[in-house]
């Protein structure tokens, strides 16, 4: 019997080994001459970007099948460091975070994987994927070799990722064909040695048998060029493909070309118009790439939803991301087909690699409507304060070991018969101010609000400042973005100012356990921020969209799942509710609303509302009746831009002291009356770009902030795909058009760099222009 057992084990081992050998030797992936090679044959990568945390795990397979049916052969995905290591040294790769399971599902459906482990990912995700606990270290520096703590933390995380996924490299029998080194690094820094060290950390972690690559823009990719690492470019729908790859092709004529992020749409900001991109522009540039044998990754093929607290923000200027990450992608937020989906599918069907076939489109997931119901239980915030922390000085949220959510600062102010002003440096990101429990105002970082007038008091009063973190900056030099109140609070009057100290601090985290512990009663909130609880019954489950247009500002939990932030200003007025998180029978909903609802009701719609703005303050950089007077000003430069869509540099031939930079557009190449600019950099006496972190728009004679997200601040938002555009009705009045930028301080200016609107042959490409510089404000 023992001999038979041994023989059985031997045969089992032999069979298992044979199967593993077969899998291991199934595919090979390599760089050929101007093309990728799969098993020695030419292979064009058609990748679909998906983000596993933005899709319920129950729907992963459906979304992968949708991408395959659209004509994709690869899934491209970020790895989100701060999702997997929410507390330092505690790693989670299970459940919704099970990366290995996601990659195995892709392999099950014959899809390859392009892995992007960071450590930084951007992705409109809180702190660009970097963990919040790094900010507990004072003086922390990120994305640099100069900070040992950051580099060591990053290295440990990459090893954890490799522990999960290194065995799935294609040459080891898996489906991972490429692994990225960092992400769009030149938009942050110029330290080539740092990039080399990240590359080595990726290799040391275990990704030592797979093709590595970097991504950047056509304007800055040279900073990412590393030995044995493929260089790829990022750009959006409507781009001129030959222009985008011209320089890279000249410098690396024998390497395959790839667009590692081909932007299908764009992301939405709270308080800004909903972003869309046309099907024609998407398919046009995609066809141009396919005709040239250029590989691409469609960012996003399916955007999904930024559930919970994970939405990020941009700066400058500060602007926070919506919960929906629909991205105007071919596969909608809820996984449904769109016009773009079928247009892309039809196009790609003509460009399949040898041996590939187009699969059938999966059945649509069920969608339900939910009749209106009332949340009749209330837990006012000030009646449910947690245990207080004591702090003599003001400190940020992170210093109280809190990563996300809301934080309340409380102190006492003395009696005063004179009017005083509260000055906060700085509110990150949205605050309500109370005196003796009475709400007196709010401050919004997006609008640059930092001060509030306090009422007079005839006795000592309690001052409360409730701050909500609406997303850490995920892009550029502002990424060190601590939350709460980050510096100090001053009480200012005509007789002087004093710093407020001796604080009681209350922390309100985002986990469901904390929300559920509130004391709910059937009572009124009486103007307080509050939690509201209710329930609804279902006979059947399905995806739905919770209509929260009657609510103010806050967050929602359904059956314990944090489905994200809402804000009445829009453009998003519904929250996607996955049917897989609902249940037949009773369902619980908890809403934390800081600003207060109009009615305490919710319903579930069959379609989302993503494009309805309800602004309390419009983003406008020209006051009523304001007109710029340049009649007595002398331009420092009068010239014409070159035709085209690429970067241009203008030198003044001398150095001029200035704080205010005015560009006057006098004509356009199409003579259409419009003006547009994608990006502007002003250069100092050493021809170095002046930091744009403290820039602001003083004046724009015209800007499109209603029909499209093209206000004047787009000239310095660090996004080459977005642009300032004059109002669509202003072609009737035509030129000139002016924009004035406050540089935030006096600089010695020698010139500027300018990027036109990136789409070829579109309205608003400026031809003739004038530049004015002043240390004092222009006359308006």
Foldseek 3Di string as FASTA:
>chain_A
DVVVVVVVVVVVVVVVVVVQVCLLPVWDWDWFFQAIAINHHGDFAAEAEDELLLDAPVCLLQLLLLCLLLQGQAYEYEQQQCVQPVDQPHGDCDHSNVPLVSQVSNVVVRHAYEYEHACAQLLLWFLRRDHQLQLLDPPDDELDPVHPVRLVSVLVSLLVVCVRPLCQDSNNSHRHAEYEQHAQCVLADQDLVSSVSSVVSNVVSRNVRHAYEYEHFLVGQVSNDDPSYHYAYEDEFQFDVCVRCVVVCVVCVGTHYEHAEYQQWAFDWQLFFDIADDLCSRVVVVLVCLVVSYHYYYVHQAQAFQFDQTRAFFDDVTTTTDGQRQSNHQQGNQRHGDPSSVSSSVSSCVRHDPPDDNDDNDDDFDFDKFPKDFQQWKFFDVNFFDAWDKWFFDAFPVNVVARFWKKKKKDKDFADPFKKKKFAQQAQAKKWKDKQRHTDDMAGSSVVGGMDIDHGGRGMIMIMIMGHHRHAHSGYPRSSGTHGGHHWMWIQDPVGIDTDTTIIMTDDHRFLVSQVPGDIDRDDNVQGFIKTKDKGADQAFAKWWKFQLQAAWWWKAKLRTTQHIDHNQAQWGTTIDGRVSDDHTMMMMMTGGGRGGNGRMMITHRDTRHGHGDDPDHPAQADPPDDFDCPPFDFLDWFWDDDDFDKDWDFSQFWDKFQKKKKKFFAAPVRQQKAKFQAKFWAAPVRDTQDQRQKDWNHWPFWDRRVRNADCSNHHRSDSQHMTMGHPVRSVVGDTIMTMMGSRAIGTTTIMMTGGNSRPPDPRHGTIMTMGGHHDDGGD
